[in-house]
Amino acid sequence: MIRVLLVDDHTILREGVRALLAGEPEIVVVGEAGDGQEALEKVETLTPDVVLMDMVMPRMNGLEATGHIKRRHPEVKVLILSMYDDDEYVQQVIQAGASGYLLKGTAADDLILAIREVQAGSSFLNPTVAAKLIEDYVRRVRGDHGPESDDPLTVREREVLKLIAESNTNQEIADVLCLSRKTVESHRANIMRKLGLHDVTELVKYAIRKGLIRLE
């Protein structure tokens, strides 16, 4: 049996994945977590084989949680399931020890295959993600580093930007991410400086272009 821990801050998504995996006789969902901090606790008590991890979550994001899990339990495989397909995210989680990266909306068969592959010791990348990594590698080999500066934000800064674009105040963002208000203000200033933007309207437009938020 492949023991799977589901980690996502959206209950409905966890329920959907659990229902999907319920039809696989060799896969069992041993537990769920709503953020990275809870995931660390569940890994300790439930000893999963594979952690199916979201990237953007409150308290502790998927990147941080992946690093902690792999340092404490290198035998546990981490498979990222995210809505973001840019190569910066993928590179960071792979460096942190993740064995695979899938996009939300991936076909059920691919998700099941990915779980089996990473448990067997292989890696698994969504085709779109793999293509972006290859493009980035080719650019680096050619010495063309221009696109790297196209989006210089860290994962945490993207989380803050997304919450800003969703009209959250600094204090609300601090509460969601378990940060101090001063830290959020620092992140906001860094985001504006890095992007060369000067007001919230410009930040919202940028977030929409990058797919961090969507217009309903």
N, C-alpha and C. Protein backbone atom coordinates (compact mmCIF):
# COMPACT_ATOMS: atom_id res chain seq x y z
N MET A 1 0.83 -1.20 0.00
CA MET A 1 0.00 0.00 0.00
C MET A 1 0.87 1.25 0.00
N ILE A 2 0.46 2.24 -0.78
CA ILE A 2 1.13 3.54 -0.78
C ILE A 2 0.32 4.46 0.13
N ARG A 3 0.95 4.90 1.22
CA ARG A 3 0.28 5.74 2.20
C ARG A 3 0.46 7.21 1.82
N VAL A 4 -0.66 7.91 1.60
CA VAL A 4 -0.62 9.28 1.09
C VAL A 4 -1.21 10.26 2.12
N LEU A 5 -0.50 11.38 2.32
CA LEU A 5 -0.99 12.48 3.14
C LEU A 5 -1.36 13.64 2.22
N LEU A 6 -2.58 14.15 2.32
CA LEU A 6 -3.05 15.25 1.49
C LEU A 6 -2.87 16.57 2.24
N VAL A 7 -2.20 17.53 1.61
CA VAL A 7 -1.93 18.82 2.26
C VAL A 7 -2.39 19.96 1.35
N ASP A 8 -3.46 20.63 1.74
CA ASP A 8 -4.00 21.75 0.97
C ASP A 8 -4.90 22.55 1.89
N ASP A 9 -4.91 23.87 1.77
CA ASP A 9 -5.75 24.67 2.66
C ASP A 9 -7.20 24.73 2.21
N HIS A 10 -7.52 24.11 1.09
CA HIS A 10 -8.91 24.07 0.61
C HIS A 10 -9.50 22.68 0.87
N THR A 11 -10.45 22.63 1.78
CA THR A 11 -11.06 21.35 2.15
C THR A 11 -11.69 20.66 0.96
N ILE A 12 -12.34 21.42 0.08
CA ILE A 12 -13.04 20.81 -1.04
C ILE A 12 -12.06 20.12 -1.99
N LEU A 13 -10.86 20.68 -2.14
CA LEU A 13 -9.87 20.04 -3.00
C LEU A 13 -9.38 18.74 -2.36
N ARG A 14 -9.13 18.76 -1.06
CA ARG A 14 -8.69 17.54 -0.38
C ARG A 14 -9.76 16.45 -0.50
N GLU A 15 -11.01 16.84 -0.34
CA GLU A 15 -12.09 15.87 -0.44
C GLU A 15 -12.16 15.27 -1.84
N GLY A 16 -11.94 16.12 -2.85
CA GLY A 16 -11.97 15.65 -4.23
C GLY A 16 -10.86 14.66 -4.53
N VAL A 17 -9.65 14.98 -4.07
CA VAL A 17 -8.51 14.09 -4.30
C VAL A 17 -8.70 12.79 -3.52
N ARG A 18 -9.19 12.89 -2.30
CA ARG A 18 -9.43 11.68 -1.50
C ARG A 18 -10.43 10.76 -2.20
N ALA A 19 -11.50 11.35 -2.74
CA ALA A 19 -12.50 10.54 -3.44
C ALA A 19 -11.90 9.90 -4.68
N LEU A 20 -11.04 10.64 -5.37
CA LEU A 20 -10.41 10.10 -6.57
C LEU A 20 -9.50 8.92 -6.24
N LEU A 21 -8.73 9.06 -5.17
CA LEU A 21 -7.77 8.01 -4.81
C LEU A 21 -8.45 6.80 -4.15
N ALA A 22 -9.68 7.00 -3.69
CA ALA A 22 -10.39 5.91 -3.00
C ALA A 22 -10.61 4.71 -3.91
N GLY A 23 -10.61 4.94 -5.22
CA GLY A 23 -10.82 3.84 -6.15
C GLY A 23 -9.57 3.07 -6.51
N GLU A 24 -8.43 3.46 -5.91
CA GLU A 24 -7.17 2.78 -6.21
C GLU A 24 -6.82 1.82 -5.06
N PRO A 25 -6.85 0.53 -5.31
CA PRO A 25 -6.66 -0.45 -4.23
C PRO A 25 -5.28 -0.41 -3.58
N GLU A 26 -4.25 0.10 -4.29
CA GLU A 26 -2.91 0.11 -3.71
C GLU A 26 -2.54 1.45 -3.08
N ILE A 27 -3.50 2.39 -3.06
CA ILE A 27 -3.25 3.71 -2.47
C ILE A 27 -4.25 3.95 -1.35
N VAL A 28 -3.76 4.41 -0.20
CA VAL A 28 -4.64 4.73 0.91
C VAL A 28 -4.28 6.12 1.44
N VAL A 29 -5.29 6.98 1.59
CA VAL A 29 -5.09 8.30 2.18
C VAL A 29 -5.12 8.15 3.69
N VAL A 30 -3.98 8.41 4.33
CA VAL A 30 -3.88 8.19 5.78
C VAL A 30 -4.21 9.43 6.59
N GLY A 31 -4.31 10.59 5.92
CA GLY A 31 -4.63 11.80 6.66
C GLY A 31 -4.62 13.03 5.78
N GLU A 32 -5.02 14.16 6.37
CA GLU A 32 -5.08 15.43 5.67
C GLU A 32 -4.51 16.53 6.55
N ALA A 33 -4.01 17.59 5.92
CA ALA A 33 -3.51 18.76 6.65
C ALA A 33 -3.89 20.01 5.88
N GLY A 34 -4.14 21.09 6.61
CA GLY A 34 -4.57 22.33 5.98
C GLY A 34 -3.48 23.35 5.76
N ASP A 35 -2.27 23.06 6.23
CA ASP A 35 -1.13 23.96 6.01
C ASP A 35 0.16 23.20 6.24
N GLY A 36 1.28 23.84 5.95
CA GLY A 36 2.56 23.16 6.06
C GLY A 36 2.93 22.76 7.47
N GLN A 37 2.58 23.59 8.44
CA GLN A 37 2.91 23.26 9.82
C GLN A 37 2.17 22.01 10.28
N GLU A 38 0.90 21.94 9.93
CA GLU A 38 0.12 20.75 10.29
C GLU A 38 0.65 19.54 9.55
N ALA A 39 1.13 19.74 8.32
CA ALA A 39 1.70 18.63 7.55
C ALA A 39 2.89 18.02 8.26
N LEU A 40 3.76 18.86 8.83
CA LEU A 40 4.92 18.35 9.55
C LEU A 40 4.48 17.47 10.72
N GLU A 41 3.46 17.92 11.43
CA GLU A 41 2.95 17.15 12.57
C GLU A 41 2.36 15.82 12.11
N LYS A 42 1.62 15.85 10.99
CA LYS A 42 0.98 14.63 10.51
C LYS A 42 2.02 13.63 9.98
N VAL A 43 3.08 14.13 9.37
CA VAL A 43 4.13 13.24 8.89
C VAL A 43 4.74 12.47 10.06
N GLU A 44 4.92 13.15 11.17
CA GLU A 44 5.50 12.51 12.36
C GLU A 44 4.62 11.39 12.89
N THR A 45 3.32 11.61 12.89
CA THR A 45 2.41 10.64 13.51
C THR A 45 1.86 9.60 12.55
N LEU A 46 1.74 9.93 11.27
CA LEU A 46 1.08 9.03 10.31
C LEU A 46 2.05 8.28 9.41
N THR A 47 3.31 8.70 9.37
CA THR A 47 4.35 8.07 8.54
C THR A 47 3.88 7.75 7.12
N PRO A 48 3.51 8.77 6.36
CA PRO A 48 3.09 8.51 4.97
C PRO A 48 4.28 8.18 4.08
N ASP A 49 4.00 7.54 2.95
CA ASP A 49 5.03 7.30 1.95
C ASP A 49 5.16 8.50 1.02
N VAL A 50 4.01 9.11 0.68
CA VAL A 50 3.97 10.24 -0.24
C VAL A 50 3.13 11.36 0.36
N VAL A 51 3.67 12.58 0.33
CA VAL A 51 2.91 13.76 0.74
C VAL A 51 2.53 14.53 -0.51
N LEU A 52 1.22 14.67 -0.74
CA LEU A 52 0.71 15.43 -1.87
C LEU A 52 0.48 16.85 -1.38
N MET A 53 1.32 17.78 -1.81
CA MET A 53 1.46 19.09 -1.16
C MET A 53 1.08 20.26 -2.08
N ASP A 54 0.25 21.16 -1.54
CA ASP A 54 -0.03 22.43 -2.21
C ASP A 54 1.15 23.37 -1.98
N MET A 55 1.26 24.43 -2.78
CA MET A 55 2.37 25.36 -2.61
C MET A 55 2.02 26.53 -1.71
N VAL A 56 0.91 27.20 -1.99
CA VAL A 56 0.57 28.43 -1.27
C VAL A 56 -0.46 28.12 -0.19
N MET A 57 -0.01 28.22 1.07
CA MET A 57 -0.87 27.93 2.22
C MET A 57 -0.51 28.86 3.36
N PRO A 58 -1.44 29.08 4.30
CA PRO A 58 -1.12 29.90 5.47
C PRO A 58 -0.17 29.18 6.42
N ARG A 59 0.38 29.94 7.36
CA ARG A 59 1.30 29.46 8.41
C ARG A 59 2.63 28.99 7.84
N MET A 60 2.62 27.98 6.98
CA MET A 60 3.85 27.51 6.34
C MET A 60 3.52 27.03 4.93
N ASN A 61 4.23 27.58 3.93
CA ASN A 61 3.91 27.19 2.56
C ASN A 61 4.53 25.84 2.19
N GLY A 62 4.18 25.38 1.00
CA GLY A 62 4.63 24.07 0.56
C GLY A 62 6.13 23.96 0.40
N LEU A 63 6.78 25.05 -0.02
CA LEU A 63 8.23 25.03 -0.18
C LEU A 63 8.92 24.81 1.16
N GLU A 64 8.52 25.58 2.16
CA GLU A 64 9.13 25.44 3.49
C GLU A 64 8.85 24.07 4.08
N ALA A 65 7.61 23.62 3.95
CA ALA A 65 7.23 22.32 4.50
C ALA A 65 8.00 21.19 3.83
N THR A 66 8.19 21.28 2.53
CA THR A 66 8.95 20.26 1.81
C THR A 66 10.37 20.16 2.35
N GLY A 67 11.01 21.31 2.53
CA GLY A 67 12.37 21.31 3.05
C GLY A 67 12.46 20.66 4.43
N HIS A 68 11.52 21.02 5.31
CA HIS A 68 11.51 20.45 6.66
C HIS A 68 11.28 18.93 6.62
N ILE A 69 10.32 18.51 5.81
CA ILE A 69 10.00 17.08 5.73
C ILE A 69 11.21 16.28 5.23
N LYS A 70 11.85 16.76 4.18
CA LYS A 70 12.97 16.01 3.60
C LYS A 70 14.18 15.98 4.52
N ARG A 71 14.36 17.02 5.33
CA ARG A 71 15.47 17.01 6.28
C ARG A 71 15.22 16.02 7.41
N ARG A 72 13.97 15.96 7.87
CA ARG A 72 13.65 15.09 9.00
C ARG A 72 13.34 13.65 8.56
N HIS A 73 12.74 13.53 7.39
CA HIS A 73 12.31 12.21 6.91
C HIS A 73 12.66 12.07 5.42
N PRO A 74 13.93 11.89 5.10
CA PRO A 74 14.35 11.83 3.69
C PRO A 74 13.69 10.71 2.90
N GLU A 75 13.17 9.71 3.59
CA GLU A 75 12.52 8.60 2.88
C GLU A 75 11.12 8.95 2.39
N VAL A 76 10.52 10.02 2.94
CA VAL A 76 9.18 10.43 2.54
C VAL A 76 9.26 11.20 1.22
N LYS A 77 8.45 10.83 0.26
CA LYS A 77 8.43 11.50 -1.03
C LYS A 77 7.40 12.63 -1.00
N VAL A 78 7.77 13.76 -1.59
CA VAL A 78 6.86 14.91 -1.67
C VAL A 78 6.50 15.16 -3.13
N LEU A 79 5.21 15.22 -3.40
CA LEU A 79 4.70 15.49 -4.73
C LEU A 79 3.89 16.78 -4.66
N ILE A 80 4.33 17.80 -5.37
CA ILE A 80 3.66 19.11 -5.33
C ILE A 80 2.49 19.11 -6.31
N LEU A 81 1.34 19.60 -5.83
CA LEU A 81 0.16 19.79 -6.68
C LEU A 81 -0.21 21.26 -6.56
N SER A 82 0.06 22.04 -7.62
CA SER A 82 -0.05 23.49 -7.53
C SER A 82 -0.75 24.08 -8.76
N MET A 83 -1.26 25.29 -8.60
CA MET A 83 -1.86 25.99 -9.73
C MET A 83 -0.82 26.82 -10.49
N TYR A 84 0.38 26.94 -9.94
CA TYR A 84 1.42 27.78 -10.55
C TYR A 84 2.38 26.94 -11.38
N ASP A 85 2.63 27.37 -12.62
CA ASP A 85 3.46 26.57 -13.51
C ASP A 85 4.79 27.21 -13.87
N ASP A 86 5.18 28.30 -13.17
CA ASP A 86 6.43 28.95 -13.56
C ASP A 86 7.64 28.20 -13.01
N ASP A 87 8.75 28.33 -13.73
CA ASP A 87 9.92 27.52 -13.42
C ASP A 87 10.57 27.88 -12.09
N GLU A 88 10.36 29.11 -11.60
CA GLU A 88 10.96 29.48 -10.31
C GLU A 88 10.40 28.59 -9.19
N TYR A 89 9.08 28.43 -9.17
CA TYR A 89 8.46 27.58 -8.17
C TYR A 89 9.00 26.16 -8.26
N VAL A 90 9.04 25.65 -9.49
CA VAL A 90 9.46 24.26 -9.68
C VAL A 90 10.90 24.07 -9.24
N GLN A 91 11.78 24.96 -9.65
CA GLN A 91 13.19 24.85 -9.26
C GLN A 91 13.38 24.87 -7.75
N GLN A 92 12.63 25.73 -7.08
CA GLN A 92 12.79 25.87 -5.64
C GLN A 92 12.33 24.61 -4.90
N VAL A 93 11.19 24.04 -5.32
CA VAL A 93 10.71 22.85 -4.59
C VAL A 93 11.56 21.62 -4.92
N ILE A 94 12.08 21.55 -6.13
CA ILE A 94 12.97 20.44 -6.46
C ILE A 94 14.26 20.54 -5.64
N GLN A 95 14.78 21.76 -5.52
CA GLN A 95 15.97 21.96 -4.69
C GLN A 95 15.69 21.62 -3.23
N ALA A 96 14.43 21.82 -2.81
CA ALA A 96 14.06 21.50 -1.43
C ALA A 96 13.87 20.01 -1.22
N GLY A 97 13.80 19.24 -2.32
CA GLY A 97 13.70 17.80 -2.19
C GLY A 97 12.45 17.15 -2.75
N ALA A 98 11.56 17.93 -3.37
CA ALA A 98 10.34 17.35 -3.94
C ALA A 98 10.69 16.40 -5.08
N SER A 99 9.90 15.35 -5.20
CA SER A 99 10.14 14.35 -6.25
C SER A 99 9.30 14.59 -7.50
N GLY A 100 8.32 15.49 -7.40
CA GLY A 100 7.48 15.74 -8.56
C GLY A 100 6.68 17.01 -8.43
N TYR A 101 6.14 17.47 -9.56
CA TYR A 101 5.38 18.72 -9.59
C TYR A 101 4.26 18.56 -10.60
N LEU A 102 3.03 18.66 -10.13
CA LEU A 102 1.85 18.55 -10.99
C LEU A 102 1.02 19.82 -10.88
N LEU A 103 0.30 20.12 -11.94
CA LEU A 103 -0.60 21.26 -11.91
C LEU A 103 -2.00 20.81 -11.52
N LYS A 104 -2.67 21.65 -10.74
CA LYS A 104 -4.05 21.36 -10.42
C LYS A 104 -4.85 21.36 -11.72
N GLY A 105 -5.69 20.41 -11.90
CA GLY A 105 -6.39 20.24 -13.17
C GLY A 105 -5.78 19.11 -13.97
N THR A 106 -4.69 18.53 -13.46
CA THR A 106 -4.07 17.37 -14.09
C THR A 106 -5.06 16.22 -14.14
N ALA A 107 -5.02 15.43 -15.19
CA ALA A 107 -5.91 14.28 -15.33
C ALA A 107 -5.69 13.31 -14.17
N ALA A 108 -6.78 12.66 -13.76
CA ALA A 108 -6.72 11.73 -12.62
C ALA A 108 -5.69 10.64 -12.85
N ASP A 109 -5.63 10.11 -14.06
CA ASP A 109 -4.68 9.04 -14.35
C ASP A 109 -3.24 9.51 -14.15
N ASP A 110 -2.95 10.76 -14.52
CA ASP A 110 -1.60 11.29 -14.35
C ASP A 110 -1.25 11.47 -12.88
N LEU A 111 -2.23 11.88 -12.09
CA LEU A 111 -1.99 12.04 -10.66
C LEU A 111 -1.67 10.69 -10.02
N ILE A 112 -2.45 9.69 -10.36
CA ILE A 112 -2.22 8.35 -9.81
C ILE A 112 -0.87 7.81 -10.26
N LEU A 113 -0.55 8.02 -11.53
CA LEU A 113 0.74 7.58 -12.06
C LEU A 113 1.88 8.28 -11.33
N ALA A 114 1.72 9.59 -11.09
CA ALA A 114 2.76 10.37 -10.41
C ALA A 114 3.01 9.84 -9.01
N ILE A 115 1.95 9.52 -8.29
CA ILE A 115 2.09 8.97 -6.94
C ILE A 115 2.87 7.66 -6.98
N ARG A 116 2.53 6.81 -7.92
CA ARG A 116 3.23 5.53 -8.04
C ARG A 116 4.70 5.74 -8.41
N GLU A 117 4.96 6.66 -9.31
CA GLU A 117 6.32 6.88 -9.79
C GLU A 117 7.22 7.43 -8.68
N VAL A 118 6.74 8.45 -7.95
CA VAL A 118 7.61 9.03 -6.92
C VAL A 118 7.82 8.04 -5.77
N GLN A 119 6.80 7.23 -5.46
CA GLN A 119 6.97 6.23 -4.42
C GLN A 119 8.01 5.19 -4.83
N ALA A 120 8.11 4.92 -6.13
CA ALA A 120 9.07 3.94 -6.63
C ALA A 120 10.48 4.53 -6.75
N GLY A 121 10.61 5.83 -6.46
CA GLY A 121 11.93 6.45 -6.49
C GLY A 121 12.22 7.27 -7.73
N SER A 122 11.22 7.40 -8.62
CA SER A 122 11.39 8.21 -9.82
C SER A 122 10.90 9.63 -9.58
N SER A 123 11.08 10.47 -10.58
CA SER A 123 10.56 11.83 -10.54
C SER A 123 9.42 11.96 -11.53
N PHE A 124 8.56 12.95 -11.30
CA PHE A 124 7.43 13.14 -12.21
C PHE A 124 7.12 14.62 -12.33
N LEU A 125 7.13 15.13 -13.56
CA LEU A 125 6.83 16.53 -13.82
C LEU A 125 5.69 16.63 -14.81
N ASN A 126 4.76 17.53 -14.55
CA ASN A 126 3.73 17.84 -15.52
C ASN A 126 4.41 18.27 -16.82
N PRO A 127 3.92 17.84 -17.99
CA PRO A 127 4.56 18.19 -19.26
C PRO A 127 4.77 19.69 -19.46
N THR A 128 3.78 20.50 -19.06
CA THR A 128 3.92 21.95 -19.20
C THR A 128 5.06 22.47 -18.35
N VAL A 129 5.15 21.96 -17.12
CA VAL A 129 6.22 22.36 -16.21
C VAL A 129 7.57 21.92 -16.74
N ALA A 130 7.64 20.69 -17.23
CA ALA A 130 8.90 20.18 -17.78
C ALA A 130 9.37 21.04 -18.95
N ALA A 131 8.43 21.44 -19.80
CA ALA A 131 8.79 22.27 -20.96
C ALA A 131 9.38 23.61 -20.52
N LYS A 132 8.79 24.20 -19.47
CA LYS A 132 9.31 25.47 -18.98
C LYS A 132 10.72 25.32 -18.40
N LEU A 133 10.95 24.21 -17.71
CA LEU A 133 12.28 23.96 -17.16
C LEU A 133 13.31 23.81 -18.28
N ILE A 134 12.91 23.11 -19.33
CA ILE A 134 13.82 22.92 -20.46
C ILE A 134 14.13 24.26 -21.12
N GLU A 135 13.09 25.10 -21.30
CA GLU A 135 13.29 26.41 -21.89
C GLU A 135 14.25 27.25 -21.05
N ASP A 136 14.07 27.18 -19.74
CA ASP A 136 14.94 27.94 -18.85
C ASP A 136 16.38 27.43 -18.95
N TYR A 137 16.54 26.11 -19.02
CA TYR A 137 17.88 25.52 -19.12
C TYR A 137 18.56 25.98 -20.43
N VAL A 138 17.81 25.96 -21.51
CA VAL A 138 18.36 26.38 -22.80
C VAL A 138 18.79 27.84 -22.75
N ARG A 139 17.97 28.69 -22.12
CA ARG A 139 18.33 30.10 -21.99
C ARG A 139 19.63 30.26 -21.22
N ARG A 140 19.76 29.48 -20.14
CA ARG A 140 20.97 29.60 -19.32
C ARG A 140 22.20 29.14 -20.10
N VAL A 141 22.06 28.06 -20.86
CA VAL A 141 23.18 27.55 -21.65
C VAL A 141 23.61 28.58 -22.69
N ARG A 142 22.63 29.27 -23.26
CA ARG A 142 22.93 30.28 -24.28
C ARG A 142 23.42 31.58 -23.67
N GLY A 143 23.34 31.69 -22.34
CA GLY A 143 23.79 32.91 -21.69
C GLY A 143 22.77 34.00 -21.69
N ASP A 144 21.51 33.66 -22.01
CA ASP A 144 20.44 34.66 -22.03
C ASP A 144 19.73 34.62 -20.68
N HIS A 145 20.08 35.55 -19.81
CA HIS A 145 19.51 35.56 -18.47
C HIS A 145 18.43 36.62 -18.30
N GLY A 146 18.05 37.23 -19.40
CA GLY A 146 17.06 38.30 -19.31
C GLY A 146 15.78 37.91 -18.63
N PRO A 147 15.14 36.78 -19.00
CA PRO A 147 13.84 36.44 -18.43
C PRO A 147 13.87 36.22 -16.93
N GLU A 148 15.06 35.96 -16.35
CA GLU A 148 15.10 35.69 -14.92
C GLU A 148 14.61 36.88 -14.11
N SER A 149 14.82 38.10 -14.66
CA SER A 149 14.42 39.27 -13.93
C SER A 149 12.97 39.64 -14.18
N ASP A 150 12.27 38.85 -15.02
CA ASP A 150 10.88 39.14 -15.36
C ASP A 150 9.99 39.05 -14.13
N ASP A 151 10.27 38.15 -13.23
CA ASP A 151 9.48 38.00 -12.02
C ASP A 151 10.41 37.63 -10.87
N PRO A 152 10.97 38.63 -10.21
CA PRO A 152 12.02 38.37 -9.21
C PRO A 152 11.50 38.05 -7.81
N LEU A 153 10.20 37.87 -7.64
CA LEU A 153 9.65 37.67 -6.31
C LEU A 153 9.92 36.28 -5.76
N THR A 154 10.09 36.21 -4.45
CA THR A 154 10.22 34.92 -3.78
C THR A 154 8.82 34.32 -3.60
N VAL A 155 8.78 33.06 -3.18
CA VAL A 155 7.49 32.41 -2.94
C VAL A 155 6.69 33.17 -1.89
N ARG A 156 7.33 33.56 -0.79
CA ARG A 156 6.63 34.30 0.27
C ARG A 156 6.11 35.63 -0.25
N GLU A 157 6.92 36.33 -1.07
CA GLU A 157 6.47 37.61 -1.61
C GLU A 157 5.27 37.43 -2.53
N ARG A 158 5.23 36.31 -3.24
CA ARG A 158 4.06 36.04 -4.08
C ARG A 158 2.82 35.79 -3.23
N GLU A 159 3.00 35.11 -2.13
CA GLU A 159 1.87 34.90 -1.22
C GLU A 159 1.33 36.23 -0.72
N VAL A 160 2.25 37.11 -0.32
CA VAL A 160 1.84 38.44 0.17
C VAL A 160 1.18 39.23 -0.95
N LEU A 161 1.75 39.19 -2.14
CA LEU A 161 1.18 39.91 -3.28
C LEU A 161 -0.23 39.43 -3.58
N LYS A 162 -0.43 38.13 -3.56
CA LYS A 162 -1.76 37.57 -3.83
C LYS A 162 -2.77 38.10 -2.82
N LEU A 163 -2.39 38.13 -1.56
CA LEU A 163 -3.30 38.59 -0.52
C LEU A 163 -3.55 40.10 -0.61
N ILE A 164 -2.52 40.85 -1.01
CA ILE A 164 -2.70 42.28 -1.24
C ILE A 164 -3.70 42.50 -2.37
N ALA A 165 -3.52 41.75 -3.44
CA ALA A 165 -4.39 41.89 -4.61
C ALA A 165 -5.83 41.48 -4.31
N GLU A 166 -6.00 40.67 -3.28
CA GLU A 166 -7.35 40.25 -2.87
C GLU A 166 -7.94 41.20 -1.84
N SER A 167 -7.30 42.38 -1.70
CA SER A 167 -7.81 43.49 -0.86
C SER A 167 -7.67 43.24 0.64
N ASN A 168 -6.74 42.40 1.04
CA ASN A 168 -6.49 42.21 2.46
C ASN A 168 -5.61 43.34 3.01
N THR A 169 -5.85 43.74 4.24
CA THR A 169 -5.00 44.73 4.89
C THR A 169 -3.70 44.07 5.35
N ASN A 170 -2.73 44.90 5.75
CA ASN A 170 -1.47 44.34 6.25
C ASN A 170 -1.70 43.43 7.45
N GLN A 171 -2.60 43.85 8.35
CA GLN A 171 -2.86 43.04 9.54
C GLN A 171 -3.54 41.72 9.18
N GLU A 172 -4.46 41.76 8.22
CA GLU A 172 -5.13 40.54 7.79
C GLU A 172 -4.14 39.57 7.15
N ILE A 173 -3.22 40.11 6.35
CA ILE A 173 -2.19 39.28 5.72
C ILE A 173 -1.30 38.66 6.80
N ALA A 174 -0.94 39.48 7.79
CA ALA A 174 -0.11 38.98 8.89
C ALA A 174 -0.81 37.84 9.62
N ASP A 175 -2.10 37.97 9.83
CA ASP A 175 -2.86 36.93 10.53
C ASP A 175 -2.92 35.64 9.71
N VAL A 176 -3.14 35.75 8.40
CA VAL A 176 -3.24 34.58 7.54
C VAL A 176 -1.92 33.83 7.46
N LEU A 177 -0.82 34.58 7.31
CA LEU A 177 0.50 33.96 7.12
C LEU A 177 1.27 33.78 8.42
N CYS A 178 0.65 34.15 9.54
CA CYS A 178 1.32 34.05 10.84
C CYS A 178 2.64 34.82 10.87
N LEU A 179 2.57 36.05 10.39
CA LEU A 179 3.72 36.95 10.39
C LEU A 179 3.38 38.17 11.23
N SER A 180 4.39 38.97 11.54
CA SER A 180 4.12 40.24 12.20
C SER A 180 3.70 41.26 11.14
N ARG A 181 2.97 42.26 11.58
CA ARG A 181 2.54 43.30 10.64
C ARG A 181 3.77 43.99 10.03
N LYS A 182 4.80 44.19 10.84
CA LYS A 182 6.02 44.84 10.35
C LYS A 182 6.67 44.02 9.24
N THR A 183 6.65 42.69 9.38
CA THR A 183 7.23 41.83 8.33
C THR A 183 6.43 41.95 7.05
N VAL A 184 5.11 42.00 7.17
CA VAL A 184 4.26 42.15 5.98
C VAL A 184 4.55 43.48 5.29
N GLU A 185 4.69 44.54 6.08
CA GLU A 185 4.99 45.85 5.50
C GLU A 185 6.33 45.81 4.78
N SER A 186 7.29 45.09 5.33
CA SER A 186 8.59 44.95 4.69
C SER A 186 8.47 44.20 3.37
N HIS A 187 7.69 43.11 3.38
CA HIS A 187 7.46 42.37 2.14
C HIS A 187 6.80 43.26 1.09
N ARG A 188 5.80 44.03 1.50
CA ARG A 188 5.09 44.91 0.57
C ARG A 188 6.07 45.90 -0.07
N ALA A 189 6.93 46.49 0.75
CA ALA A 189 7.91 47.45 0.23
C ALA A 189 8.88 46.78 -0.74
N ASN A 190 9.32 45.57 -0.40
CA ASN A 190 10.25 44.84 -1.27
C ASN A 190 9.59 44.49 -2.61
N ILE A 191 8.32 44.09 -2.55
CA ILE A 191 7.59 43.74 -3.77
C ILE A 191 7.52 44.94 -4.70
N MET A 192 7.12 46.08 -4.16
CA MET A 192 7.01 47.29 -4.98
C MET A 192 8.36 47.71 -5.55
N ARG A 193 9.40 47.58 -4.71
CA ARG A 193 10.74 47.95 -5.18
C ARG A 193 11.20 47.04 -6.30
N LYS A 194 11.05 45.73 -6.11
CA LYS A 194 11.50 44.76 -7.12
C LYS A 194 10.74 44.92 -8.44
N LEU A 195 9.44 45.19 -8.35
CA LEU A 195 8.61 45.26 -9.55
C LEU A 195 8.56 46.66 -10.14
N GLY A 196 9.07 47.65 -9.40
CA GLY A 196 9.04 49.03 -9.90
C GLY A 196 7.62 49.58 -9.94
N LEU A 197 6.77 49.11 -9.02
CA LEU A 197 5.38 49.57 -8.98
C LEU A 197 5.19 50.49 -7.78
N HIS A 198 4.10 51.31 -7.84
CA HIS A 198 3.98 52.37 -6.84
C HIS A 198 2.65 52.41 -6.11
N ASP A 199 1.67 51.61 -6.51
CA ASP A 199 0.40 51.61 -5.79
C ASP A 199 -0.28 50.26 -5.92
N VAL A 200 -1.35 50.09 -5.15
CA VAL A 200 -2.04 48.80 -5.09
C VAL A 200 -2.67 48.44 -6.43
N THR A 201 -3.17 49.44 -7.14
CA THR A 201 -3.78 49.16 -8.45
C THR A 201 -2.80 48.49 -9.39
N GLU A 202 -1.56 48.98 -9.40
CA GLU A 202 -0.54 48.38 -10.25
C GLU A 202 -0.20 46.97 -9.78
N LEU A 203 -0.20 46.76 -8.46
CA LEU A 203 0.06 45.43 -7.92
C LEU A 203 -1.03 44.45 -8.34
N VAL A 204 -2.27 44.88 -8.29
CA VAL A 204 -3.39 44.03 -8.69
C VAL A 204 -3.28 43.64 -10.16
N LYS A 205 -2.96 44.61 -11.01
CA LYS A 205 -2.81 44.32 -12.44
C LYS A 205 -1.69 43.31 -12.67
N TYR A 206 -0.61 43.47 -11.94
CA TYR A 206 0.52 42.54 -12.06
C TYR A 206 0.10 41.14 -11.62
N ALA A 207 -0.61 41.06 -10.49
CA ALA A 207 -1.06 39.76 -9.97
C ALA A 207 -1.98 39.07 -10.96
N ILE A 208 -2.83 39.82 -11.64
CA ILE A 208 -3.73 39.24 -12.64
C ILE A 208 -2.94 38.71 -13.82
N ARG A 209 -1.96 39.50 -14.29
CA ARG A 209 -1.14 39.06 -15.42
C ARG A 209 -0.40 37.77 -15.11
N LYS A 210 0.05 37.63 -13.86
CA LYS A 210 0.82 36.46 -13.46
C LYS A 210 -0.06 35.29 -13.03
N GLY A 211 -1.38 35.49 -13.04
CA GLY A 211 -2.27 34.40 -12.69
C GLY A 211 -2.39 34.15 -11.20
N LEU A 212 -1.93 35.10 -10.38
CA LEU A 212 -2.04 34.91 -8.93
C LEU A 212 -3.48 35.07 -8.45
N ILE A 213 -4.22 35.93 -9.13
CA ILE A 213 -5.65 36.05 -8.87
C ILE A 213 -6.36 36.06 -10.22
N ARG A 214 -7.63 35.76 -10.17
CA ARG A 214 -8.40 35.71 -11.40
C ARG A 214 -9.64 36.58 -11.26
N LEU A 215 -10.03 37.20 -12.36
CA LEU A 215 -11.25 37.99 -12.37
C LEU A 215 -12.44 37.06 -12.53
N GLU A 216 -13.40 37.19 -11.64
CA GLU A 216 -14.59 36.33 -11.70
C GLU A 216 -15.52 36.81 -12.81
